[in-house]
Amino acid sequence: MKMTNVNKAMSAYGAAIGRSQANVPTAAAPALAPRFESLVRAELQGTGEALRNSEAKAVEGLSGQASLQQVVEAVTEAELSLQKVTAVRDRVISAYQEIMRMPI
């Protein structure tokens, strides 16, 4: 997945949230609650960082600068992070499909 696609998706999420919040009075939204967009953005950035770290550790492992355990730990962390993001994406898509099936 290219970062430009992630940025486009985040912009689309942000625009959708902005449109939905334009119709909601400000008193209804808690002041200290984090926005969904910021949570998703943080997870995507963390996943990207984990993937880059695992690639770097794999290269270090091939050159003999990192142990096999360090490489496996980095790859496992990246895999778990990617699985988490994929699960959230699947849930968002499922929720969207449920909303679209609702009668108007």
PDB file of N, CA and C in Angstrom:
ATOM      1  N   MET A   1       0.843  -1.166   0.000  1.00  0.00           N
ATOM      2  CA  MET A   1       0.000   0.000   0.000  1.00  0.00           C
ATOM      3  C   MET A   1       0.894   1.236   0.000  1.00  0.00           C
ATOM      4  N   LYS A   2       0.659   2.116  -0.917  1.00  0.00           N
ATOM      5  CA  LYS A   2       1.454   3.329  -0.986  1.00  0.00           C
ATOM      6  C   LYS A   2       0.941   4.345   0.024  1.00  0.00           C
ATOM      7  N   MET A   3       1.847   5.168   0.519  1.00  0.00           N
ATOM      8  CA  MET A   3       1.471   6.180   1.495  1.00  0.00           C
ATOM      9  C   MET A   3       0.534   7.220   0.890  1.00  0.00           C
ATOM     10  N   THR A   4       0.624   7.466  -0.428  1.00  0.00           N
ATOM     11  CA  THR A   4      -0.285   8.427  -1.042  1.00  0.00           C
ATOM     12  C   THR A   4      -1.714   7.927  -0.959  1.00  0.00           C
ATOM     13  N   ASN A   5      -1.922   6.618  -1.121  1.00  0.00           N
ATOM     14  CA  ASN A   5      -3.262   6.062  -0.990  1.00  0.00           C
ATOM     15  C   ASN A   5      -3.764   6.202   0.440  1.00  0.00           C
ATOM     16  N   VAL A   6      -2.881   6.003   1.395  1.00  0.00           N
ATOM     17  CA  VAL A   6      -3.259   6.154   2.799  1.00  0.00           C
ATOM     18  C   VAL A   6      -3.638   7.603   3.074  1.00  0.00           C
ATOM     19  N   ASN A   7      -2.852   8.525   2.544  1.00  0.00           N
ATOM     20  CA  ASN A   7      -3.154   9.947   2.751  1.00  0.00           C
ATOM     21  C   ASN A   7      -4.474  10.328   2.102  1.00  0.00           C
ATOM     22  N   LYS A   8      -4.750   9.793   0.914  1.00  0.00           N
ATOM     23  CA  LYS A   8      -6.029  10.069   0.254  1.00  0.00           C
ATOM     24  C   LYS A   8      -7.182   9.516   1.073  1.00  0.00           C
ATOM     25  N   ALA A   9      -7.007   8.303   1.603  1.00  0.00           N
ATOM     26  CA  ALA A   9      -8.061   7.698   2.424  1.00  0.00           C
ATOM     27  C   ALA A   9      -8.293   8.525   3.679  1.00  0.00           C
ATOM     28  N   MET A  10      -7.203   8.989   4.316  1.00  0.00           N
ATOM     29  CA  MET A  10      -7.342   9.783   5.532  1.00  0.00           C
ATOM     30  C   MET A  10      -8.025  11.114   5.232  1.00  0.00           C
ATOM     31  N   SER A  11      -7.726  11.698   4.073  1.00  0.00           N
ATOM     32  CA  SER A  11      -8.390  12.946   3.693  1.00  0.00           C
ATOM     33  C   SER A  11      -9.879  12.718   3.481  1.00  0.00           C
ATOM     34  N   ALA A  12     -10.225  11.590   2.866  1.00  0.00           N
ATOM     35  CA  ALA A  12     -11.634  11.273   2.652  1.00  0.00           C
ATOM     36  C   ALA A  12     -12.344  11.045   3.984  1.00  0.00           C
ATOM     37  N   TYR A  13     -11.695  10.320   4.910  1.00  0.00           N
ATOM     38  CA  TYR A  13     -12.280  10.112   6.239  1.00  0.00           C
ATOM     39  C   TYR A  13     -12.470  11.449   6.943  1.00  0.00           C
ATOM     40  N   GLY A  14     -11.470  12.314   6.848  1.00  0.00           N
ATOM     41  CA  GLY A  14     -11.554  13.624   7.495  1.00  0.00           C
ATOM     42  C   GLY A  14     -12.676  14.468   6.926  1.00  0.00           C
ATOM     43  N   ALA A  15     -12.845  14.439   5.602  1.00  0.00           N
ATOM     44  CA  ALA A  15     -13.919  15.199   4.972  1.00  0.00           C
ATOM     45  C   ALA A  15     -15.282  14.668   5.394  1.00  0.00           C
ATOM     46  N   ALA A  16     -15.408  13.346   5.461  1.00  0.00           N
ATOM     47  CA  ALA A  16     -16.678  12.748   5.882  1.00  0.00           C
ATOM     48  C   ALA A  16     -16.993  13.106   7.326  1.00  0.00           C
ATOM     49  N   ILE A  17     -15.995  13.081   8.182  1.00  0.00           N
ATOM     50  CA  ILE A  17     -16.202  13.440   9.584  1.00  0.00           C
ATOM     51  C   ILE A  17     -16.571  14.915   9.694  1.00  0.00           C
ATOM     52  N   GLY A  18     -15.909  15.756   8.912  1.00  0.00           N
ATOM     53  CA  GLY A  18     -16.222  17.183   8.922  1.00  0.00           C
ATOM     54  C   GLY A  18     -17.659  17.450   8.509  1.00  0.00           C
ATOM     55  N   ARG A  19     -18.125  16.735   7.485  1.00  0.00           N
ATOM     56  CA  ARG A  19     -19.515  16.905   7.040  1.00  0.00           C
ATOM     57  C   ARG A  19     -20.493  16.428   8.105  1.00  0.00           C
ATOM     58  N   SER A  20     -20.158  15.320   8.764  1.00  0.00           N
ATOM     59  CA  SER A  20     -21.078  14.803   9.783  1.00  0.00           C
ATOM     60  C   SER A  20     -21.099  15.700  11.014  1.00  0.00           C
ATOM     61  N   GLN A  21     -19.980  16.312  11.352  1.00  0.00           N
ATOM     62  CA  GLN A  21     -19.932  17.170  12.534  1.00  0.00           C
ATOM     63  C   GLN A  21     -20.547  18.539  12.276  1.00  0.00           C
ATOM     64  N   ALA A  22     -20.693  18.915  11.020  1.00  0.00           N
ATOM     65  CA  ALA A  22     -21.293  20.208  10.702  1.00  0.00           C
ATOM     66  C   ALA A  22     -22.765  20.231  11.103  1.00  0.00           C
ATOM     67  N   ASN A  23     -23.396  19.067  11.132  1.00  0.00           N
ATOM     68  CA  ASN A  23     -24.817  18.981  11.464  1.00  0.00           C
ATOM     69  C   ASN A  23     -25.076  18.661  12.936  1.00  0.00           C
ATOM     70  N   VAL A  24     -24.035  18.445  13.720  1.00  0.00           N
ATOM     71  CA  VAL A  24     -24.183  18.071  15.122  1.00  0.00           C
ATOM     72  C   VAL A  24     -23.829  19.277  15.991  1.00  0.00           C
ATOM     73  N   PRO A  25     -24.680  19.608  16.960  1.00  0.00           N
ATOM     74  CA  PRO A  25     -24.320  20.703  17.871  1.00  0.00           C
ATOM     75  C   PRO A  25     -23.047  20.367  18.639  1.00  0.00           C
ATOM     76  N   THR A  26     -22.250  21.379  18.935  1.00  0.00           N
ATOM     77  CA  THR A  26     -20.969  21.150  19.591  1.00  0.00           C
ATOM     78  C   THR A  26     -21.137  20.625  21.009  1.00  0.00           C
ATOM     79  N   ALA A  27     -22.246  20.914  21.672  1.00  0.00           N
ATOM     80  CA  ALA A  27     -22.455  20.436  23.029  1.00  0.00           C
ATOM     81  C   ALA A  27     -22.643  18.923  23.062  1.00  0.00           C
ATOM     82  N   ALA A  28     -23.038  18.312  21.947  1.00  0.00           N
ATOM     83  CA  ALA A  28     -23.283  16.869  21.907  1.00  0.00           C
ATOM     84  C   ALA A  28     -21.978  16.079  21.858  1.00  0.00           C
ATOM     85  N   ALA A  29     -20.915  16.680  21.366  1.00  0.00           N
ATOM     86  CA  ALA A  29     -19.628  15.983  21.245  1.00  0.00           C
ATOM     87  C   ALA A  29     -18.773  16.276  22.461  1.00  0.00           C
ATOM     88  N   PRO A  30     -18.260  15.239  23.127  1.00  0.00           N
ATOM     89  CA  PRO A  30     -17.381  15.476  24.274  1.00  0.00           C
ATOM     90  C   PRO A  30     -16.102  16.202  23.844  1.00  0.00           C
ATOM     91  N   ALA A  31     -15.651  17.103  24.667  1.00  0.00           N
ATOM     92  CA  ALA A  31     -14.499  17.934  24.314  1.00  0.00           C
ATOM     93  C   ALA A  31     -13.191  17.150  24.342  1.00  0.00           C
ATOM     94  N   LEU A  32     -13.068  16.144  25.205  1.00  0.00           N
ATOM     95  CA  LEU A  32     -11.809  15.447  25.377  1.00  0.00           C
ATOM     96  C   LEU A  32     -11.710  14.144  24.580  1.00  0.00           C
ATOM     97  N   ALA A  33     -12.763  13.754  23.889  1.00  0.00           N
ATOM     98  CA  ALA A  33     -12.744  12.491  23.149  1.00  0.00           C
ATOM     99  C   ALA A  33     -11.886  12.641  21.890  1.00  0.00           C
ATOM    100  N   PRO A  34     -10.989  11.681  21.652  1.00  0.00           N
ATOM    101  CA  PRO A  34     -10.183  11.763  20.434  1.00  0.00           C
ATOM    102  C   PRO A  34     -11.046  11.498  19.206  1.00  0.00           C
ATOM    103  N   ARG A  35     -10.692  12.136  18.121  1.00  0.00           N
ATOM    104  CA  ARG A  35     -11.426  11.945  16.881  1.00  0.00           C
ATOM    105  C   ARG A  35     -11.035  10.613  16.265  1.00  0.00           C
ATOM    106  N   PHE A  36     -11.996  10.006  15.595  1.00  0.00           N
ATOM    107  CA  PHE A  36     -11.763   8.732  14.930  1.00  0.00           C
ATOM    108  C   PHE A  36     -10.647   8.865  13.899  1.00  0.00           C
ATOM    109  N   GLU A  37     -10.634   9.978  13.209  1.00  0.00           N
ATOM    110  CA  GLU A  37      -9.612  10.223  12.192  1.00  0.00           C
ATOM    111  C   GLU A  37      -8.214  10.190  12.804  1.00  0.00           C
ATOM    112  N   SER A  38      -8.039  10.819  13.957  1.00  0.00           N
ATOM    113  CA  SER A  38      -6.712  10.847  14.573  1.00  0.00           C
ATOM    114  C   SER A  38      -6.306   9.463  15.069  1.00  0.00           C
ATOM    115  N   LEU A  39      -7.269   8.683  15.549  1.00  0.00           N
ATOM    116  CA  LEU A  39      -6.960   7.320  15.984  1.00  0.00           C
ATOM    117  C   LEU A  39      -6.527   6.456  14.803  1.00  0.00           C
ATOM    118  N   VAL A  40      -7.268   6.555  13.705  1.00  0.00           N
ATOM    119  CA  VAL A  40      -6.934   5.763  12.516  1.00  0.00           C
ATOM    120  C   VAL A  40      -5.589   6.199  11.954  1.00  0.00           C
ATOM    121  N   ARG A  41      -5.367   7.508  11.899  1.00  0.00           N
ATOM    122  CA  ARG A  41      -4.097   8.022  11.376  1.00  0.00           C
ATOM    123  C   ARG A  41      -2.919   7.520  12.218  1.00  0.00           C
ATOM    124  N   ALA A  42      -3.071   7.555  13.535  1.00  0.00           N
ATOM    125  CA  ALA A  42      -1.994   7.099  14.417  1.00  0.00           C
ATOM    126  C   ALA A  42      -1.714   5.610  14.216  1.00  0.00           C
ATOM    127  N   GLU A  43      -2.755   4.814  14.074  1.00  0.00           N
ATOM    128  CA  GLU A  43      -2.567   3.377  13.847  1.00  0.00           C
ATOM    129  C   GLU A  43      -1.905   3.109  12.505  1.00  0.00           C
ATOM    130  N   LEU A  44      -2.311   3.839  11.474  1.00  0.00           N
ATOM    131  CA  LEU A  44      -1.700   3.657  10.158  1.00  0.00           C
ATOM    132  C   LEU A  44      -0.227   4.060  10.168  1.00  0.00           C
ATOM    133  N   GLN A  45       0.073   5.149  10.845  1.00  0.00           N
ATOM    134  CA  GLN A  45       1.470   5.570  10.932  1.00  0.00           C
ATOM    135  C   GLN A  45       2.289   4.577  11.740  1.00  0.00           C
ATOM    136  N   GLY A  46       1.715   4.051  12.820  1.00  0.00           N
ATOM    137  CA  GLY A  46       2.407   3.048  13.617  1.00  0.00           C
ATOM    138  C   GLY A  46       2.643   1.769  12.828  1.00  0.00           C
ATOM    139  N   THR A  47       1.669   1.389  12.025  1.00  0.00           N
ATOM    140  CA  THR A  47       1.821   0.201  11.187  1.00  0.00           C
ATOM    141  C   THR A  47       2.903   0.413  10.138  1.00  0.00           C
ATOM    142  N   GLY A  48       2.898   1.578   9.521  1.00  0.00           N
ATOM    143  CA  GLY A  48       3.948   1.883   8.538  1.00  0.00           C
ATOM    144  C   GLY A  48       5.331   1.850   9.161  1.00  0.00           C
ATOM    145  N   GLU A  49       5.436   2.399  10.356  1.00  0.00           N
ATOM    146  CA  GLU A  49       6.723   2.398  11.060  1.00  0.00           C
ATOM    147  C   GLU A  49       7.147   0.969  11.405  1.00  0.00           C
ATOM    148  N   ALA A  50       6.199   0.142  11.842  1.00  0.00           N
ATOM    149  CA  ALA A  50       6.513  -1.252  12.164  1.00  0.00           C
ATOM    150  C   ALA A  50       6.967  -2.013  10.915  1.00  0.00           C
ATOM    151  N   LEU A  51       6.332  -1.747   9.788  1.00  0.00           N
ATOM    152  CA  LEU A  51       6.732  -2.406   8.541  1.00  0.00           C
ATOM    153  C   LEU A  51       8.137  -1.975   8.111  1.00  0.00           C
ATOM    154  N   ARG A  52       8.411  -0.673   8.220  1.00  0.00           N
ATOM    155  CA  ARG A  52       9.753  -0.185   7.874  1.00  0.00           C
ATOM    156  C   ARG A  52      10.806  -0.766   8.817  1.00  0.00           C
ATOM    157  N   ASN A  53      10.467  -0.854  10.098  1.00  0.00           N
ATOM    158  CA  ASN A  53      11.392  -1.414  11.084  1.00  0.00           C
ATOM    159  C   ASN A  53      11.676  -2.887  10.791  1.00  0.00           C
ATOM    160  N   SER A  54      10.632  -3.631  10.432  1.00  0.00           N
ATOM    161  CA  SER A  54      10.846  -5.052  10.150  1.00  0.00           C
ATOM    162  C   SER A  54      11.701  -5.250   8.900  1.00  0.00           C
ATOM    163  N   GLU A  55      11.513  -4.402   7.894  1.00  0.00           N
ATOM    164  CA  GLU A  55      12.354  -4.486   6.701  1.00  0.00           C
ATOM    165  C   GLU A  55      13.810  -4.169   7.040  1.00  0.00           C
ATOM    166  N   ALA A  56      13.998  -3.147   7.859  1.00  0.00           N
ATOM    167  CA  ALA A  56      15.362  -2.781   8.249  1.00  0.00           C
ATOM    168  C   ALA A  56      16.017  -3.901   9.053  1.00  0.00           C
ATOM    169  N   LYS A  57      15.270  -4.514   9.960  1.00  0.00           N
ATOM    170  CA  LYS A  57      15.816  -5.619  10.759  1.00  0.00           C
ATOM    171  C   LYS A  57      16.130  -6.822   9.874  1.00  0.00           C
ATOM    172  N   ALA A  58      15.288  -7.065   8.861  1.00  0.00           N
ATOM    173  CA  ALA A  58      15.556  -8.183   7.953  1.00  0.00           C
ATOM    174  C   ALA A  58      16.866  -7.950   7.194  1.00  0.00           C
ATOM    175  N   VAL A  59      17.086  -6.721   6.753  1.00  0.00           N
ATOM    176  CA  VAL A  59      18.337  -6.398   6.056  1.00  0.00           C
ATOM    177  C   VAL A  59      19.517  -6.532   7.016  1.00  0.00           C
ATOM    178  N   GLU A  60      19.339  -6.048   8.253  1.00  0.00           N
ATOM    179  CA  GLU A  60      20.401  -6.194   9.253  1.00  0.00           C
ATOM    180  C   GLU A  60      20.678  -7.665   9.539  1.00  0.00           C
ATOM    181  N   GLY A  61      19.630  -8.472   9.581  1.00  0.00           N
ATOM    182  CA  GLY A  61      19.803  -9.904   9.808  1.00  0.00           C
ATOM    183  C   GLY A  61      20.564 -10.574   8.683  1.00  0.00           C
ATOM    184  N   LEU A  62      20.279 -10.170   7.452  1.00  0.00           N
ATOM    185  CA  LEU A  62      20.989 -10.741   6.302  1.00  0.00           C
ATOM    186  C   LEU A  62      22.458 -10.353   6.291  1.00  0.00           C
ATOM    187  N   SER A  63      22.757  -9.155   6.807  1.00  0.00           N
ATOM    188  CA  SER A  63      24.146  -8.710   6.833  1.00  0.00           C
ATOM    189  C   SER A  63      24.870  -9.142   8.117  1.00  0.00           C
ATOM    190  N   GLY A  64      24.155  -9.815   9.015  1.00  0.00           N
ATOM    191  CA  GLY A  64      24.783 -10.309  10.232  1.00  0.00           C
ATOM    192  C   GLY A  64      24.828  -9.312  11.368  1.00  0.00           C
ATOM    193  N   GLN A  65      24.138  -8.188  11.233  1.00  0.00           N
ATOM    194  CA  GLN A  65      24.152  -7.163  12.278  1.00  0.00           C
ATOM    195  C   GLN A  65      23.039  -7.351  13.305  1.00  0.00           C
ATOM    196  N   ALA A  66      22.054  -8.188  13.001  1.00  0.00           N
ATOM    197  CA  ALA A  66      20.947  -8.434  13.934  1.00  0.00           C
ATOM    198  C   ALA A  66      20.762  -9.937  14.097  1.00  0.00           C
ATOM    199  N   SER A  67      20.348 -10.333  15.282  1.00  0.00           N
ATOM    200  CA  SER A  67      20.130 -11.757  15.533  1.00  0.00           C
ATOM    201  C   SER A  67      18.811 -12.207  14.913  1.00  0.00           C
ATOM    202  N   LEU A  68      18.672 -13.498  14.785  1.00  0.00           N
ATOM    203  CA  LEU A  68      17.448 -14.068  14.237  1.00  0.00           C
ATOM    204  C   LEU A  68      16.254 -13.719  15.115  1.00  0.00           C
ATOM    205  N   GLN A  69      16.452 -13.691  16.414  1.00  0.00           N
ATOM    206  CA  GLN A  69      15.364 -13.347  17.330  1.00  0.00           C
ATOM    207  C   GLN A  69      14.880 -11.916  17.104  1.00  0.00           C
ATOM    208  N   GLN A  70      15.808 -10.979  16.914  1.00  0.00           N
ATOM    209  CA  GLN A  70      15.423  -9.589  16.659  1.00  0.00           C
ATOM    210  C   GLN A  70      14.639  -9.462  15.356  1.00  0.00           C
ATOM    211  N   VAL A  71      15.055 -10.202  14.332  1.00  0.00           N
ATOM    212  CA  VAL A  71      14.351 -10.154  13.054  1.00  0.00           C
ATOM    213  C   VAL A  71      12.939 -10.712  13.206  1.00  0.00           C
ATOM    214  N   VAL A  72      12.823 -11.844  13.882  1.00  0.00           N
ATOM    215  CA  VAL A  72      11.513 -12.472  14.069  1.00  0.00           C
ATOM    216  C   VAL A  72      10.599 -11.578  14.893  1.00  0.00           C
ATOM    217  N   GLU A  73      11.119 -10.950  15.933  1.00  0.00           N
ATOM    218  CA  GLU A  73      10.308 -10.044  16.750  1.00  0.00           C
ATOM    219  C   GLU A  73       9.805  -8.856  15.937  1.00  0.00           C
ATOM    220  N   ALA A  74      10.667  -8.273  15.116  1.00  0.00           N
ATOM    221  CA  ALA A  74      10.270  -7.124  14.306  1.00  0.00           C
ATOM    222  C   ALA A  74       9.219  -7.523  13.269  1.00  0.00           C
ATOM    223  N   VAL A  75       9.410  -8.663  12.639  1.00  0.00           N
ATOM    224  CA  VAL A  75       8.452  -9.121  11.629  1.00  0.00           C
ATOM    225  C   VAL A  75       7.117  -9.465  12.283  1.00  0.00           C
ATOM    226  N   THR A  76       7.150 -10.084  13.446  1.00  0.00           N
ATOM    227  CA  THR A  76       5.918 -10.426  14.162  1.00  0.00           C
ATOM    228  C   THR A  76       5.168  -9.175  14.584  1.00  0.00           C
ATOM    229  N   GLU A  77       5.894  -8.167  15.070  1.00  0.00           N
ATOM    230  CA  GLU A  77       5.259  -6.909  15.448  1.00  0.00           C
ATOM    231  C   GLU A  77       4.585  -6.263  14.243  1.00  0.00           C
ATOM    232  N   ALA A  78       5.257  -6.252  13.107  1.00  0.00           N
ATOM    233  CA  ALA A  78       4.681  -5.676  11.897  1.00  0.00           C
ATOM    234  C   ALA A  78       3.454  -6.465  11.449  1.00  0.00           C
ATOM    235  N   GLU A  79       3.542  -7.779  11.531  1.00  0.00           N
ATOM    236  CA  GLU A  79       2.417  -8.621  11.120  1.00  0.00           C
ATOM    237  C   GLU A  79       1.190  -8.375  11.996  1.00  0.00           C
ATOM    238  N   LEU A  80       1.379  -8.305  13.308  1.00  0.00           N
ATOM    239  CA  LEU A  80       0.270  -8.052  14.219  1.00  0.00           C
ATOM    240  C   LEU A  80      -0.339  -6.672  13.993  1.00  0.00           C
ATOM    241  N   SER A  81       0.503  -5.695  13.763  1.00  0.00           N
ATOM    242  CA  SER A  81       0.021  -4.343  13.504  1.00  0.00           C
ATOM    243  C   SER A  81      -0.795  -4.302  12.213  1.00  0.00           C
ATOM    244  N   LEU A  82      -0.318  -4.962  11.189  1.00  0.00           N
ATOM    245  CA  LEU A  82      -1.034  -5.002   9.922  1.00  0.00           C
ATOM    246  C   LEU A  82      -2.361  -5.744  10.065  1.00  0.00           C
ATOM    247  N   GLN A  83      -2.370  -6.817  10.834  1.00  0.00           N
ATOM    248  CA  GLN A  83      -3.617  -7.552  11.074  1.00  0.00           C
ATOM    249  C   GLN A  83      -4.633  -6.684  11.811  1.00  0.00           C
ATOM    250  N   LYS A  84      -4.158  -5.871  12.759  1.00  0.00           N
ATOM    251  CA  LYS A  84      -5.052  -4.993  13.506  1.00  0.00           C
ATOM    252  C   LYS A  84      -5.679  -3.954  12.589  1.00  0.00           C
ATOM    253  N   VAL A  85      -4.873  -3.333  11.759  1.00  0.00           N
ATOM    254  CA  VAL A  85      -5.382  -2.322  10.838  1.00  0.00           C
ATOM    255  C   VAL A  85      -6.356  -2.955   9.840  1.00  0.00           C
ATOM    256  N   THR A  86      -6.036  -4.142   9.364  1.00  0.00           N
ATOM    257  CA  THR A  86      -6.915  -4.829   8.420  1.00  0.00           C
ATOM    258  C   THR A  86      -8.246  -5.177   9.081  1.00  0.00           C
ATOM    259  N   ALA A  87      -8.219  -5.603  10.340  1.00  0.00           N
ATOM    260  CA  ALA A  87      -9.453  -5.927  11.054  1.00  0.00           C
ATOM    261  C   ALA A  87     -10.319  -4.691  11.242  1.00  0.00           C
ATOM    262  N   VAL A  88      -9.707  -3.562  11.571  1.00  0.00           N
ATOM    263  CA  VAL A  88     -10.464  -2.319  11.725  1.00  0.00           C
ATOM    264  C   VAL A  88     -11.063  -1.911  10.380  1.00  0.00           C
ATOM    265  N   ARG A  89     -10.282  -2.015   9.310  1.00  0.00           N
ATOM    266  CA  ARG A  89     -10.799  -1.689   7.982  1.00  0.00           C
ATOM    267  C   ARG A  89     -11.999  -2.557   7.630  1.00  0.00           C
ATOM    268  N   ASP A  90     -11.897  -3.851   7.918  1.00  0.00           N
ATOM    269  CA  ASP A  90     -12.997  -4.758   7.626  1.00  0.00           C
ATOM    270  C   ASP A  90     -14.250  -4.389   8.426  1.00  0.00           C
ATOM    271  N   ARG A  91     -14.062  -3.994   9.678  1.00  0.00           N
ATOM    272  CA  ARG A  91     -15.205  -3.589  10.509  1.00  0.00           C
ATOM    273  C   ARG A  91     -15.842  -2.303   9.990  1.00  0.00           C
ATOM    274  N   VAL A  92     -15.031  -1.362   9.555  1.00  0.00           N
ATOM    275  CA  VAL A  92     -15.558  -0.106   9.012  1.00  0.00           C
ATOM    276  C   VAL A  92     -16.353  -0.392   7.744  1.00  0.00           C
ATOM    277  N   ILE A  93     -15.831  -1.235   6.880  1.00  0.00           N
ATOM    278  CA  ILE A  93     -16.539  -1.588   5.648  1.00  0.00           C
ATOM    279  C   ILE A  93     -17.840  -2.303   5.982  1.00  0.00           C
ATOM    280  N   SER A  94     -17.807  -3.209   6.932  1.00  0.00           N
ATOM    281  CA  SER A  94     -19.007  -3.932   7.335  1.00  0.00           C
ATOM    282  C   SER A  94     -20.062  -2.973   7.897  1.00  0.00           C
ATOM    283  N   ALA A  95     -19.636  -2.039   8.724  1.00  0.00           N
ATOM    284  CA  ALA A  95     -20.572  -1.054   9.283  1.00  0.00           C
ATOM    285  C   ALA A  95     -21.169  -0.189   8.178  1.00  0.00           C
ATOM    286  N   TYR A  96     -20.357   0.214   7.224  1.00  0.00           N
ATOM    287  CA  TYR A  96     -20.848   1.014   6.093  1.00  0.00           C
ATOM    288  C   TYR A  96     -21.884   0.229   5.298  1.00  0.00           C
ATOM    289  N   GLN A  97     -21.611  -1.054   5.047  1.00  0.00           N
ATOM    290  CA  GLN A  97     -22.557  -1.877   4.306  1.00  0.00           C
ATOM    291  C   GLN A  97     -23.866  -2.041   5.063  1.00  0.00           C
ATOM    292  N   GLU A  98     -23.797  -2.186   6.385  1.00  0.00           N
ATOM    293  CA  GLU A  98     -25.006  -2.283   7.187  1.00  0.00           C
ATOM    294  C   GLU A  98     -25.818  -0.997   7.106  1.00  0.00           C
ATOM    295  N   ILE A  99     -25.149   0.137   7.158  1.00  0.00           N
ATOM    296  CA  ILE A  99     -25.842   1.430   7.059  1.00  0.00           C
ATOM    297  C   ILE A  99     -26.505   1.555   5.699  1.00  0.00           C
ATOM    298  N   MET A 100     -25.826   1.134   4.663  1.00  0.00           N
ATOM    299  CA  MET A 100     -26.383   1.248   3.313  1.00  0.00           C
ATOM    300  C   MET A 100     -27.591   0.324   3.112  1.00  0.00           C
ATOM    301  N   ARG A 101     -27.694  -0.755   3.887  1.00  0.00           N
ATOM    302  CA  ARG A 101     -28.842  -1.671   3.783  1.00  0.00           C
ATOM    303  C   ARG A 101     -30.059  -1.177   4.562  1.00  0.00           C
ATOM    304  N   MET A 102     -29.871  -0.162   5.403  1.00  0.00           N
ATOM    305  CA  MET A 102     -30.996   0.321   6.204  1.00  0.00           C
ATOM    306  C   MET A 102     -32.022   0.998   5.316  1.00  0.00           C
ATOM    307  N   PRO A 103     -33.309   0.730   5.571  1.00  0.00           N
ATOM    308  CA  PRO A 103     -34.340   1.417   4.788  1.00  0.00           C
ATOM    309  C   PRO A 103     -34.428   2.896   5.206  1.00  0.00           C
ATOM    310  N   ILE A 104     -34.722   3.701   4.254  1.00  0.00           N
ATOM    311  CA  ILE A 104     -34.806   5.154   4.523  1.00  0.00           C
ATOM    312  C   ILE A 104     -36.233   5.526   4.856  1.00  0.00           C
TER     313      ILE A 104
END
